[in-house]
Each structure stands twice: as structure tokens, then as C-alpha cells.
N, C-alpha and C. Protein backbone atom coordinates (compact mmCIF):
# COMPACT_ATOMS: atom_id res chain seq x y z
N MET A 1 103.86 65.40 106.19
CA MET A 1 104.62 64.68 107.18
C MET A 1 104.55 63.19 106.85
N PHE A 2 105.69 62.52 106.95
CA PHE A 2 105.81 61.10 106.66
C PHE A 2 105.24 60.29 107.81
N ASN A 3 104.22 59.49 107.50
CA ASN A 3 103.59 58.61 108.49
C ASN A 3 103.74 57.17 108.04
N TRP A 4 104.55 56.41 108.72
CA TRP A 4 104.80 55.02 108.38
C TRP A 4 104.07 54.11 109.36
N SER A 5 103.40 53.09 108.82
CA SER A 5 102.72 52.11 109.66
C SER A 5 103.54 50.82 109.65
N ASN A 6 104.12 50.49 110.79
CA ASN A 6 104.89 49.25 110.89
C ASN A 6 104.01 48.02 110.75
N THR A 7 102.78 48.12 111.24
CA THR A 7 101.90 46.95 111.18
C THR A 7 101.45 46.65 109.76
N LYS A 8 101.19 47.68 108.96
CA LYS A 8 100.73 47.48 107.58
C LYS A 8 101.88 47.52 106.58
N HIS A 9 103.07 47.93 107.05
CA HIS A 9 104.23 48.10 106.18
C HIS A 9 103.85 49.00 105.00
N ALA A 10 103.31 50.21 105.38
CA ALA A 10 102.78 51.12 104.38
C ALA A 10 102.88 52.57 104.87
N ILE A 11 102.76 53.49 103.90
CA ILE A 11 102.72 54.92 104.21
C ILE A 11 101.26 55.31 104.37
N TYR A 12 100.96 56.06 105.44
CA TYR A 12 99.62 56.60 105.61
C TYR A 12 99.63 57.98 104.97
N LEU A 13 98.86 58.15 103.86
CA LEU A 13 98.92 59.37 103.06
C LEU A 13 97.51 59.75 102.62
N HIS A 14 97.10 60.98 102.93
CA HIS A 14 95.79 61.51 102.51
C HIS A 14 94.64 60.60 102.92
N GLY A 15 94.70 60.08 104.13
CA GLY A 15 93.59 59.30 104.67
C GLY A 15 93.54 57.85 104.23
N THR A 16 94.56 57.36 103.56
CA THR A 16 94.57 55.95 103.14
C THR A 16 96.00 55.40 103.25
N TYR A 17 96.13 54.09 103.18
CA TYR A 17 97.45 53.46 103.26
C TYR A 17 97.96 53.18 101.86
N LEU A 18 99.20 53.60 101.61
CA LEU A 18 99.86 53.35 100.33
C LEU A 18 100.76 52.13 100.56
N LEU A 19 100.27 50.96 100.11
CA LEU A 19 100.96 49.70 100.40
C LEU A 19 102.09 49.39 99.42
N THR A 20 102.02 50.00 98.23
CA THR A 20 103.02 49.70 97.19
C THR A 20 103.63 50.98 96.63
N HIS A 21 104.78 50.81 96.00
CA HIS A 21 105.45 51.92 95.33
C HIS A 21 104.59 52.32 94.13
N PRO A 22 104.21 53.60 93.99
CA PRO A 22 103.28 54.02 92.94
C PRO A 22 103.75 53.73 91.52
N GLU A 23 105.07 53.82 91.26
CA GLU A 23 105.55 53.57 89.89
C GLU A 23 105.71 52.08 89.58
N SER A 24 106.29 51.33 90.51
CA SER A 24 106.56 49.91 90.24
C SER A 24 105.40 49.00 90.62
N GLY A 25 104.56 49.42 91.55
CA GLY A 25 103.48 48.56 92.01
C GLY A 25 103.95 47.50 93.00
N GLU A 26 105.23 47.48 93.31
CA GLU A 26 105.81 46.50 94.24
C GLU A 26 105.62 46.98 95.68
N ARG A 27 105.49 46.05 96.60
CA ARG A 27 105.41 46.40 98.01
C ARG A 27 106.70 47.09 98.43
N TRP A 28 106.58 47.95 99.43
CA TRP A 28 107.76 48.66 99.92
C TRP A 28 108.77 47.65 100.46
N GLU A 29 110.04 47.80 100.06
CA GLU A 29 111.08 46.92 100.57
C GLU A 29 111.43 47.28 102.01
N SER A 30 111.37 48.60 102.30
CA SER A 30 111.74 49.05 103.64
C SER A 30 111.12 50.41 103.91
N LYS A 31 111.17 50.80 105.17
CA LYS A 31 110.70 52.12 105.55
C LYS A 31 111.56 53.19 104.86
N GLN A 32 112.88 52.94 104.72
CA GLN A 32 113.78 53.91 104.10
C GLN A 32 113.42 54.13 102.63
N GLN A 33 113.07 53.06 101.90
CA GLN A 33 112.66 53.20 100.50
C GLN A 33 111.40 54.05 100.40
N ALA A 34 110.45 53.79 101.29
CA ALA A 34 109.21 54.55 101.30
C ALA A 34 109.48 56.02 101.65
N GLN A 35 110.38 56.24 102.59
CA GLN A 35 110.70 57.60 103.00
C GLN A 35 111.38 58.37 101.86
N LEU A 36 112.26 57.74 101.11
CA LEU A 36 112.91 58.40 99.96
C LEU A 36 111.86 58.79 98.91
N TRP A 37 110.95 57.84 98.63
CA TRP A 37 109.89 58.16 97.66
C TRP A 37 109.06 59.34 98.17
N TYR A 38 108.73 59.33 99.46
CA TYR A 38 107.90 60.38 100.04
C TYR A 38 108.59 61.74 99.94
N MET A 39 109.89 61.81 100.17
CA MET A 39 110.62 63.08 100.07
C MET A 39 110.53 63.63 98.64
N GLU A 40 110.66 62.77 97.63
CA GLU A 40 110.51 63.21 96.24
C GLU A 40 109.07 63.68 95.97
N TYR A 41 108.12 62.91 96.47
CA TYR A 41 106.71 63.25 96.31
C TYR A 41 106.41 64.62 96.90
N GLU A 42 106.89 64.89 98.12
CA GLU A 42 106.68 66.19 98.78
C GLU A 42 107.31 67.33 97.99
N ALA A 43 108.52 67.10 97.45
CA ALA A 43 109.19 68.14 96.67
C ALA A 43 108.38 68.46 95.41
N GLN A 44 107.85 67.43 94.74
CA GLN A 44 107.03 67.66 93.55
C GLN A 44 105.73 68.37 93.89
N GLU A 45 105.11 68.01 95.00
CA GLU A 45 103.88 68.67 95.43
C GLU A 45 104.13 70.14 95.73
N GLN A 46 105.23 70.42 96.41
CA GLN A 46 105.56 71.81 96.73
C GLN A 46 105.81 72.60 95.45
N ALA A 47 106.52 72.01 94.49
CA ALA A 47 106.77 72.70 93.21
C ALA A 47 105.46 72.98 92.48
N ARG A 48 104.52 72.01 92.51
CA ARG A 48 103.21 72.22 91.88
C ARG A 48 102.45 73.35 92.55
N GLU A 49 102.46 73.38 93.88
CA GLU A 49 101.77 74.43 94.62
C GLU A 49 102.36 75.80 94.32
N GLU A 50 103.68 75.90 94.25
CA GLU A 50 104.33 77.17 93.94
C GLU A 50 103.97 77.62 92.53
N GLU A 51 103.94 76.69 91.58
CA GLU A 51 103.58 77.02 90.21
C GLU A 51 102.14 77.53 90.13
N LEU A 52 101.22 76.87 90.85
CA LEU A 52 99.83 77.32 90.88
C LEU A 52 99.70 78.69 91.53
N ALA A 53 100.46 78.92 92.59
CA ALA A 53 100.41 80.22 93.26
C ALA A 53 100.92 81.32 92.34
N GLN A 54 101.97 81.03 91.57
CA GLN A 54 102.50 82.03 90.64
C GLN A 54 101.49 82.32 89.54
N ARG A 55 100.81 81.30 89.06
CA ARG A 55 99.79 81.52 88.03
C ARG A 55 98.60 82.29 88.58
N ALA A 56 98.25 82.03 89.84
CA ALA A 56 97.08 82.67 90.44
C ALA A 56 97.36 84.11 90.83
N THR A 57 98.63 84.44 91.12
CA THR A 57 98.98 85.80 91.51
C THR A 57 99.52 86.54 90.30
N PRO A 58 98.74 87.49 89.78
CA PRO A 58 99.22 88.22 88.62
C PRO A 58 100.36 89.17 88.99
N GLU A 59 101.18 89.50 88.00
CA GLU A 59 102.25 90.47 88.23
C GLU A 59 101.62 91.84 88.40
N LEU A 60 101.92 92.48 89.51
CA LEU A 60 101.36 93.79 89.78
C LEU A 60 102.18 94.87 89.08
N LYS A 61 101.49 95.79 88.44
CA LYS A 61 102.14 96.93 87.79
C LYS A 61 102.37 98.01 88.84
N THR A 62 103.55 98.58 88.85
CA THR A 62 103.91 99.60 89.83
C THR A 62 103.44 100.97 89.37
N VAL A 63 102.74 101.65 90.25
CA VAL A 63 102.33 103.03 90.01
C VAL A 63 103.44 103.92 90.56
N THR A 64 104.09 104.67 89.68
CA THR A 64 105.20 105.52 90.08
C THR A 64 104.78 106.98 90.03
N LEU A 65 104.63 107.57 91.20
CA LEU A 65 104.23 108.97 91.29
C LEU A 65 105.43 109.85 90.96
N GLN A 66 105.24 110.81 90.04
CA GLN A 66 106.34 111.69 89.64
C GLN A 66 106.12 113.14 90.05
N ALA A 67 104.87 113.59 90.08
CA ALA A 67 104.62 115.00 90.39
C ALA A 67 103.27 115.17 91.06
N VAL A 68 103.20 116.18 91.93
CA VAL A 68 101.96 116.58 92.59
C VAL A 68 101.85 118.09 92.39
N GLU A 69 100.76 118.52 91.75
CA GLU A 69 100.56 119.95 91.51
C GLU A 69 99.30 120.41 92.22
N GLY A 70 99.36 121.62 92.79
CA GLY A 70 98.20 122.20 93.44
C GLY A 70 98.14 121.95 94.94
N ALA A 71 99.15 121.29 95.49
CA ALA A 71 99.17 121.01 96.93
C ALA A 71 99.86 122.13 97.68
N LEU A 72 99.53 122.27 98.95
CA LEU A 72 100.20 123.24 99.81
C LEU A 72 101.56 122.73 100.28
N LYS A 73 101.63 121.41 100.50
CA LYS A 73 102.87 120.82 100.99
C LYS A 73 102.96 119.38 100.50
N ILE A 74 104.17 119.01 100.00
CA ILE A 74 104.45 117.64 99.59
C ILE A 74 105.85 117.27 100.07
N PRO A 75 106.17 116.00 100.19
CA PRO A 75 107.54 115.62 100.55
C PRO A 75 108.50 116.04 99.45
N SER A 76 109.74 116.32 99.82
CA SER A 76 110.72 116.76 98.82
C SER A 76 111.12 115.62 97.88
N ASN A 77 111.10 114.37 98.37
CA ASN A 77 111.48 113.24 97.54
C ASN A 77 110.49 112.12 97.76
N PHE A 78 109.33 112.18 97.10
CA PHE A 78 108.30 111.17 97.35
C PHE A 78 108.47 109.90 96.54
N GLU A 79 109.39 109.88 95.58
CA GLU A 79 109.57 108.68 94.74
C GLU A 79 110.01 107.46 95.55
N SER A 80 110.76 107.67 96.63
CA SER A 80 111.30 106.53 97.38
C SER A 80 110.52 106.21 98.64
N LEU A 81 109.41 106.91 98.89
CA LEU A 81 108.65 106.71 100.12
C LEU A 81 107.56 105.65 99.96
N ASP A 82 107.32 104.89 101.03
CA ASP A 82 106.22 103.94 101.05
C ASP A 82 104.91 104.63 101.41
N ALA A 83 105.01 105.74 102.15
CA ALA A 83 103.83 106.49 102.55
C ALA A 83 104.09 107.97 102.24
N ILE A 84 103.22 108.54 101.43
CA ILE A 84 103.37 109.92 100.99
C ILE A 84 102.27 110.75 101.64
N LYS A 85 102.68 111.86 102.25
CA LYS A 85 101.72 112.76 102.90
C LYS A 85 101.65 114.06 102.11
N VAL A 86 100.43 114.43 101.72
CA VAL A 86 100.20 115.62 100.91
C VAL A 86 99.20 116.50 101.65
N THR A 87 99.52 117.78 101.80
CA THR A 87 98.61 118.73 102.43
C THR A 87 97.98 119.58 101.34
N VAL A 88 96.64 119.64 101.34
CA VAL A 88 95.92 120.42 100.33
C VAL A 88 94.85 121.26 101.01
N ALA A 89 94.45 122.33 100.33
CA ALA A 89 93.36 123.16 100.84
C ALA A 89 92.04 122.58 100.35
N GLU A 90 91.01 122.65 101.20
CA GLU A 90 89.71 122.13 100.77
C GLU A 90 89.22 122.93 99.56
N GLY A 91 88.58 122.22 98.64
CA GLY A 91 88.03 122.86 97.45
C GLY A 91 89.04 123.15 96.36
N GLN A 92 90.31 122.80 96.56
CA GLN A 92 91.35 123.06 95.55
C GLN A 92 91.66 121.78 94.78
N ASN A 93 91.92 121.93 93.48
CA ASN A 93 92.34 120.79 92.68
C ASN A 93 93.80 120.45 92.98
N VAL A 94 94.07 119.16 93.15
CA VAL A 94 95.44 118.68 93.27
C VAL A 94 95.57 117.54 92.26
N THR A 95 96.59 117.63 91.39
CA THR A 95 96.76 116.66 90.31
C THR A 95 98.01 115.84 90.55
N LEU A 96 97.85 114.52 90.50
CA LEU A 96 98.97 113.59 90.61
C LEU A 96 99.26 113.03 89.23
N THR A 97 100.53 113.00 88.86
CA THR A 97 100.94 112.44 87.57
C THR A 97 102.11 111.50 87.79
N GLY A 98 102.27 110.56 86.87
CA GLY A 98 103.38 109.63 86.98
C GLY A 98 103.30 108.55 85.93
N LEU A 99 104.00 107.44 86.20
CA LEU A 99 104.13 106.35 85.25
C LEU A 99 103.30 105.14 85.69
N LEU A 100 102.65 104.52 84.70
CA LEU A 100 101.91 103.28 84.92
C LEU A 100 101.92 102.53 83.60
N ASP A 101 102.69 101.44 83.55
CA ASP A 101 102.92 100.70 82.32
C ASP A 101 101.77 99.75 82.00
N ILE A 102 100.65 100.33 81.54
CA ILE A 102 99.51 99.55 81.08
C ILE A 102 98.99 100.18 79.80
N ALA A 103 98.12 99.46 79.11
CA ALA A 103 97.48 100.01 77.91
C ALA A 103 96.60 101.19 78.32
N ASP A 104 96.32 102.07 77.38
CA ASP A 104 95.48 103.24 77.66
C ASP A 104 94.16 102.79 78.28
N GLU A 105 93.80 103.45 79.37
CA GLU A 105 92.61 103.04 80.12
C GLU A 105 92.20 104.15 81.07
N SER A 106 90.93 104.20 81.42
CA SER A 106 90.47 105.07 82.51
C SER A 106 89.70 104.19 83.49
N PHE A 107 89.84 104.52 84.76
CA PHE A 107 89.12 103.78 85.79
C PHE A 107 88.98 104.70 87.00
N LEU A 108 88.30 104.22 88.02
CA LEU A 108 88.06 105.02 89.21
C LEU A 108 89.02 104.63 90.33
N VAL A 109 89.49 105.63 91.07
CA VAL A 109 90.35 105.42 92.22
C VAL A 109 89.52 105.65 93.48
N PRO A 110 89.32 104.62 94.30
CA PRO A 110 88.61 104.83 95.56
C PRO A 110 89.54 105.51 96.57
N VAL A 111 89.02 106.51 97.25
CA VAL A 111 89.76 107.22 98.29
C VAL A 111 88.96 107.06 99.58
N LEU A 112 89.63 106.63 100.64
CA LEU A 112 88.97 106.38 101.92
C LEU A 112 89.02 107.63 102.78
N ARG A 113 87.83 108.12 103.15
CA ARG A 113 87.74 109.27 104.06
C ARG A 113 87.98 108.80 105.48
N ASP A 114 88.33 109.73 106.35
CA ASP A 114 88.57 109.37 107.75
C ASP A 114 87.31 108.93 108.48
N ASP A 115 86.14 109.14 107.87
CA ASP A 115 84.89 108.66 108.48
C ASP A 115 84.49 107.28 107.96
N GLY A 116 85.36 106.66 107.11
CA GLY A 116 85.11 105.32 106.61
C GLY A 116 84.43 105.25 105.25
N ARG A 117 83.90 106.37 104.78
CA ARG A 117 83.24 106.37 103.47
C ARG A 117 84.28 106.47 102.36
N ARG A 118 83.88 106.06 101.17
CA ARG A 118 84.75 106.15 100.00
C ARG A 118 84.29 107.26 99.07
N VAL A 119 85.26 107.93 98.47
CA VAL A 119 85.01 108.94 97.45
C VAL A 119 85.78 108.44 96.23
N TYR A 120 85.20 108.58 95.04
CA TYR A 120 85.83 108.06 93.84
C TYR A 120 86.26 109.19 92.91
N PHE A 121 87.47 109.05 92.35
CA PHE A 121 87.99 110.01 91.40
C PHE A 121 88.48 109.27 90.17
N PRO A 122 88.30 109.86 88.96
CA PRO A 122 88.77 109.19 87.75
C PRO A 122 90.29 109.32 87.58
N ILE A 123 90.87 108.30 86.97
CA ILE A 123 92.28 108.33 86.60
C ILE A 123 92.37 107.98 85.12
N GLU A 124 93.22 108.68 84.41
CA GLU A 124 93.42 108.45 82.99
C GLU A 124 94.85 107.97 82.78
N VAL A 125 95.00 106.90 81.99
CA VAL A 125 96.32 106.40 81.62
C VAL A 125 96.43 106.47 80.11
N GLN A 126 97.44 107.19 79.63
CA GLN A 126 97.70 107.29 78.19
C GLN A 126 99.20 107.20 77.97
N ASN A 127 99.59 106.31 77.08
CA ASN A 127 101.01 106.14 76.72
C ASN A 127 101.89 105.90 77.95
N GLY A 128 101.39 105.14 78.90
CA GLY A 128 102.17 104.81 80.10
C GLY A 128 102.25 105.91 81.14
N GLN A 129 101.53 107.01 80.93
CA GLN A 129 101.50 108.13 81.87
C GLN A 129 100.10 108.20 82.49
N PHE A 130 100.03 108.41 83.80
CA PHE A 130 98.72 108.57 84.42
C PHE A 130 98.56 109.99 84.93
N SER A 131 97.30 110.38 85.04
CA SER A 131 96.95 111.68 85.60
C SER A 131 95.63 111.51 86.35
N ALA A 132 95.61 112.03 87.58
CA ALA A 132 94.39 111.98 88.39
C ALA A 132 94.27 113.29 89.14
N THR A 133 93.10 113.92 89.04
CA THR A 133 92.85 115.18 89.74
C THR A 133 91.86 114.93 90.86
N PHE A 134 92.24 115.39 92.05
CA PHE A 134 91.43 115.23 93.25
C PHE A 134 90.97 116.61 93.72
N ASN A 135 89.79 116.66 94.30
CA ASN A 135 89.28 117.89 94.89
C ASN A 135 88.41 117.48 96.06
N PHE A 136 88.81 117.90 97.25
CA PHE A 136 88.11 117.50 98.46
C PHE A 136 87.34 118.70 99.01
N PRO A 137 86.01 118.60 99.08
CA PRO A 137 85.20 119.75 99.49
C PRO A 137 85.23 120.03 100.99
N THR A 138 85.68 119.07 101.79
CA THR A 138 85.70 119.27 103.23
C THR A 138 87.06 118.88 103.80
N SER A 139 87.38 119.45 104.94
CA SER A 139 88.66 119.12 105.56
C SER A 139 88.60 117.72 106.15
N GLY A 140 89.76 117.13 106.35
CA GLY A 140 89.86 115.79 106.91
C GLY A 140 91.04 115.05 106.34
N ARG A 141 91.09 113.76 106.62
CA ARG A 141 92.16 112.89 106.12
C ARG A 141 91.56 111.93 105.10
N PHE A 142 92.19 111.82 103.93
CA PHE A 142 91.75 110.95 102.84
C PHE A 142 92.94 110.09 102.43
N GLU A 143 92.70 108.79 102.22
CA GLU A 143 93.82 107.88 101.93
C GLU A 143 93.58 107.07 100.68
N VAL A 144 94.70 106.84 99.95
CA VAL A 144 94.72 105.94 98.80
C VAL A 144 95.81 104.91 99.09
N SER A 145 95.50 103.62 98.89
CA SER A 145 96.47 102.55 99.12
C SER A 145 96.36 101.54 97.97
N SER A 146 97.31 100.63 97.91
CA SER A 146 97.25 99.56 96.90
C SER A 146 95.97 98.76 97.04
N THR A 147 95.57 98.49 98.28
CA THR A 147 94.34 97.73 98.51
C THR A 147 93.14 98.45 97.94
N LEU A 148 93.02 99.73 98.21
CA LEU A 148 91.91 100.53 97.67
C LEU A 148 91.98 100.59 96.15
N LEU A 149 93.18 100.82 95.63
CA LEU A 149 93.37 100.94 94.19
C LEU A 149 92.91 99.68 93.46
N ASN A 150 93.09 98.52 94.09
CA ASN A 150 92.76 97.24 93.45
C ASN A 150 91.36 96.72 93.76
N GLU A 151 90.64 97.35 94.69
CA GLU A 151 89.39 96.75 95.15
C GLU A 151 88.28 96.73 94.10
N GLU A 152 88.35 97.54 93.08
CA GLU A 152 87.30 97.55 92.05
C GLU A 152 87.58 96.54 90.93
N PHE A 153 88.71 95.84 90.99
CA PHE A 153 89.08 94.87 89.96
C PHE A 153 88.91 93.45 90.49
N THR A 154 88.63 92.50 89.61
CA THR A 154 88.46 91.11 90.04
C THR A 154 89.78 90.51 90.53
N GLN A 155 90.90 90.92 89.95
CA GLN A 155 92.23 90.48 90.37
C GLN A 155 93.06 91.71 90.67
N PRO A 156 93.93 91.68 91.68
CA PRO A 156 94.81 92.83 91.95
C PRO A 156 95.67 93.12 90.72
N ARG A 157 95.84 94.40 90.42
CA ARG A 157 96.60 94.80 89.24
C ARG A 157 97.78 95.71 89.55
N PHE A 158 97.69 96.47 90.65
CA PHE A 158 98.67 97.53 90.88
C PHE A 158 99.30 97.46 92.25
N SER A 159 100.53 97.96 92.33
CA SER A 159 101.16 98.22 93.62
C SER A 159 101.54 99.70 93.62
N ALA A 160 101.35 100.34 94.76
CA ALA A 160 101.60 101.78 94.84
C ALA A 160 101.93 102.17 96.27
N SER A 161 102.59 103.28 96.42
CA SER A 161 102.83 103.85 97.75
C SER A 161 101.50 104.33 98.30
N ASN A 162 101.35 104.28 99.61
CA ASN A 162 100.16 104.85 100.25
C ASN A 162 100.26 106.37 100.18
N ILE A 163 99.14 106.99 99.87
CA ILE A 163 99.09 108.46 99.83
C ILE A 163 98.01 108.91 100.80
N THR A 164 98.39 109.82 101.69
CA THR A 164 97.44 110.41 102.62
C THR A 164 97.33 111.89 102.29
N PHE A 165 96.09 112.31 102.02
CA PHE A 165 95.81 113.72 101.78
C PHE A 165 95.29 114.31 103.09
N TYR A 166 95.97 115.34 103.58
CA TYR A 166 95.49 116.09 104.73
C TYR A 166 94.84 117.35 104.16
N VAL A 167 93.54 117.40 104.23
CA VAL A 167 92.79 118.52 103.65
C VAL A 167 92.49 119.50 104.78
N ILE A 168 92.98 120.73 104.58
CA ILE A 168 92.81 121.73 105.64
C ILE A 168 91.93 122.86 105.17
N ARG A 169 91.29 123.49 106.13
CA ARG A 169 90.44 124.64 105.84
C ARG A 169 91.34 125.87 105.85
N GLN A 170 91.24 126.69 104.83
CA GLN A 170 92.02 127.93 104.74
C GLN A 170 91.32 129.02 105.56
N ALA A 171 92.04 129.62 106.47
CA ALA A 171 91.48 130.67 107.32
C ALA A 171 91.54 132.01 106.57
N GLN A 172 90.50 132.75 106.69
CA GLN A 172 90.44 134.09 106.08
C GLN A 172 90.88 135.11 107.12
N THR A 173 91.77 135.99 106.72
CA THR A 173 92.20 137.04 107.65
C THR A 173 91.32 138.26 107.45
N VAL A 174 90.96 138.90 108.53
CA VAL A 174 90.10 140.09 108.49
C VAL A 174 91.00 141.33 108.41
N ALA A 175 90.69 142.21 107.45
CA ALA A 175 91.52 143.40 107.27
C ALA A 175 91.05 144.55 108.10
């Protein structure tokens, strides 16, 4: 915000008075001259801040889910959903596969249980394809989100749809 002091004929900026034009060293001719300089100064500061923010925020790689195998129920078109709900039986393997444009790597995916604890599963990325197999020994709700996916890294790396696994107990019928 532009703060002009009529008594000092100066701009009050960052806790001090700027009595002269920074480039010429001459005293301000008028409040309007000082205000024009200040508008340019603010625009340059904003551009610097945006540049720093862009450098500080890495480009997130998109995790694109293509297939879910071993589930009891999945959405018919999960590629376009922000939140994917998958129903699986407890103790059964469910494998998620898809695209992730990074160099070959393996890492752990944290999954948040409905009781607040985390369970970790390995994910493998090879040739831009990922595969992760999950197996939940107990019924409940388990969630994977971009926040969870990135929490083990020093800088966020991925963006992904939220996935909620509803793990159900299979009832046995008596013959």
C-alpha cells in the first residue's frame, strides 16, 4: 500500500522513509511521481514473488488410474472421478494399475484407516506404468489421497484422485 508523508515529502516503505527516487537519487518532485514509481515497484515485487512461488512449487505428476482388479465393486468410469470408491472383501488382493510419468522407482503408499492409523503398501513404477497391490485383513474404510501419497517425500510429487476402499466381511452361508 502506498503511504505518502506530506511532512517529509517521502514514501513510507518497509519501516523507513524513502526521500529520493531510487534510480536518480533526486528528491521526489511530487506525490504523483512517487506514486508512479511505487506502482512499478509493486508490479516488480509481485512478479518476483510469483517467480519464487513457481520455483518453490514443483510440477506434480498425475497418477492416472486405469484398472482395478480383484475388487467386488468399482465405478464404471473412474478415470474422470475426483473420488473413487472401491468395495473389496477382507483378506483379498486388489491391484491398481495405471500411468505415472516418472523414472522407474518403488516407494510406499500410506493408506489411512478409519481409526486414524496408517497402513503402508509398496508401489512399483516401471516404464511409466504403476502397479500396487493392496490386501486389507479387516473390514473398514481405508483411504488414499494426494496428501497421503506425498507425505513421505520432502516435496510434493504427485496429484491423484482420492480412493476409498470399503472393505467388507464376506458372510458364509450355512448349507
